[in-house]
């Protein structure tokens, strides 16, 4: 079961990383950016790139049953 959760977490991290890199206009990402822009300003896309990498690493740890 942890493999399934790990894969889902990795997919969420990939979504954040890819949308942050391309500055996507996808509606879900735009909603996330609108909320985060209050705190991060123009660095919001860089924030989602870094957060995406961290989420991917955590997903790998969950999938490998380390965490």
Protein backbone atom coordinates (compact mmCIF):
# COMPACT_ATOMS: atom_id res chain seq x y z
CA UNK A 1 0.00 0.00 0.00
CA UNK A 2 2.91 2.36 0.66
CA UNK A 3 4.02 1.96 -2.96
CA UNK A 4 0.68 3.32 -4.16
CA UNK A 5 0.85 6.31 -1.81
CA UNK A 6 4.47 6.92 -2.79
CA UNK A 7 3.57 7.00 -6.48
CA UNK A 8 0.68 9.39 -5.84
CA UNK A 9 2.96 11.70 -3.85
CA UNK A 10 5.58 11.59 -6.59
CA UNK A 11 2.95 12.51 -9.17
CA UNK A 12 1.90 15.51 -7.06
CA UNK A 13 5.53 16.59 -6.83
CA UNK A 14 6.00 16.21 -10.57
CA UNK A 15 2.91 18.34 -11.12
CA UNK A 16 4.28 21.09 -8.90
CA UNK A 17 7.73 20.91 -10.49
CA UNK A 18 6.53 20.92 -14.09
CA UNK A 19 3.95 23.67 -13.56
CA UNK A 20 6.47 25.80 -11.70
CA UNK A 21 9.03 25.37 -14.46
CA UNK A 22 6.65 26.25 -17.29
CA UNK A 23 4.63 28.84 -15.33
CA UNK A 24 1.54 26.92 -16.37
CA UNK A 25 -1.90 28.45 -16.84
CA UNK A 26 -3.66 25.29 -15.63
CA UNK A 27 -6.56 26.28 -13.37
CA UNK A 28 -5.47 24.30 -10.30
CA UNK A 29 -1.95 25.68 -10.50
CA UNK A 30 -3.26 29.22 -10.99
CA UNK A 31 -5.35 28.87 -7.82
CA UNK A 32 -2.31 27.61 -5.88
CA UNK A 33 -0.18 30.49 -7.21
CA UNK A 34 -2.81 33.09 -6.33
CA UNK A 35 -2.74 31.95 -2.70
CA UNK A 36 1.04 31.67 -2.50
CA UNK A 37 1.80 34.94 -4.27
CA UNK A 38 0.74 36.85 -1.16
CA UNK A 39 3.70 35.40 0.73
CA UNK A 40 6.26 34.63 -2.01
CA UNK A 41 5.63 37.47 -4.45
CA UNK A 42 7.29 36.97 -7.83
CA UNK A 43 9.34 34.02 -6.49
CA UNK A 44 6.24 31.85 -6.28
CA UNK A 45 7.18 29.73 -9.30
CA UNK A 46 10.66 29.04 -7.89
CA UNK A 47 8.97 28.06 -4.61
CA UNK A 48 6.83 25.46 -6.42
CA UNK A 49 9.88 24.07 -8.21
CA UNK A 50 11.76 23.56 -4.93
CA UNK A 51 8.69 22.27 -3.12
CA UNK A 52 8.04 19.85 -6.01
CA UNK A 53 11.54 18.40 -5.69
CA UNK A 54 11.09 17.97 -1.94
CA UNK A 55 7.72 16.26 -2.42
CA UNK A 56 9.22 13.92 -5.05
CA UNK A 57 12.01 12.89 -2.66
CA UNK A 58 9.49 12.29 0.11
CA UNK A 59 7.36 10.20 -2.29
CA UNK A 60 10.38 8.09 -3.16
CA UNK A 61 11.05 7.49 0.53
CA UNK A 62 7.43 6.47 1.09
CA UNK A 63 7.43 4.18 -1.97
CA UNK A 64 10.64 2.48 -0.81
CA UNK A 65 9.12 2.11 2.68
CA UNK A 66 11.93 4.07 4.33
CA UNK A 67 9.56 6.50 6.06
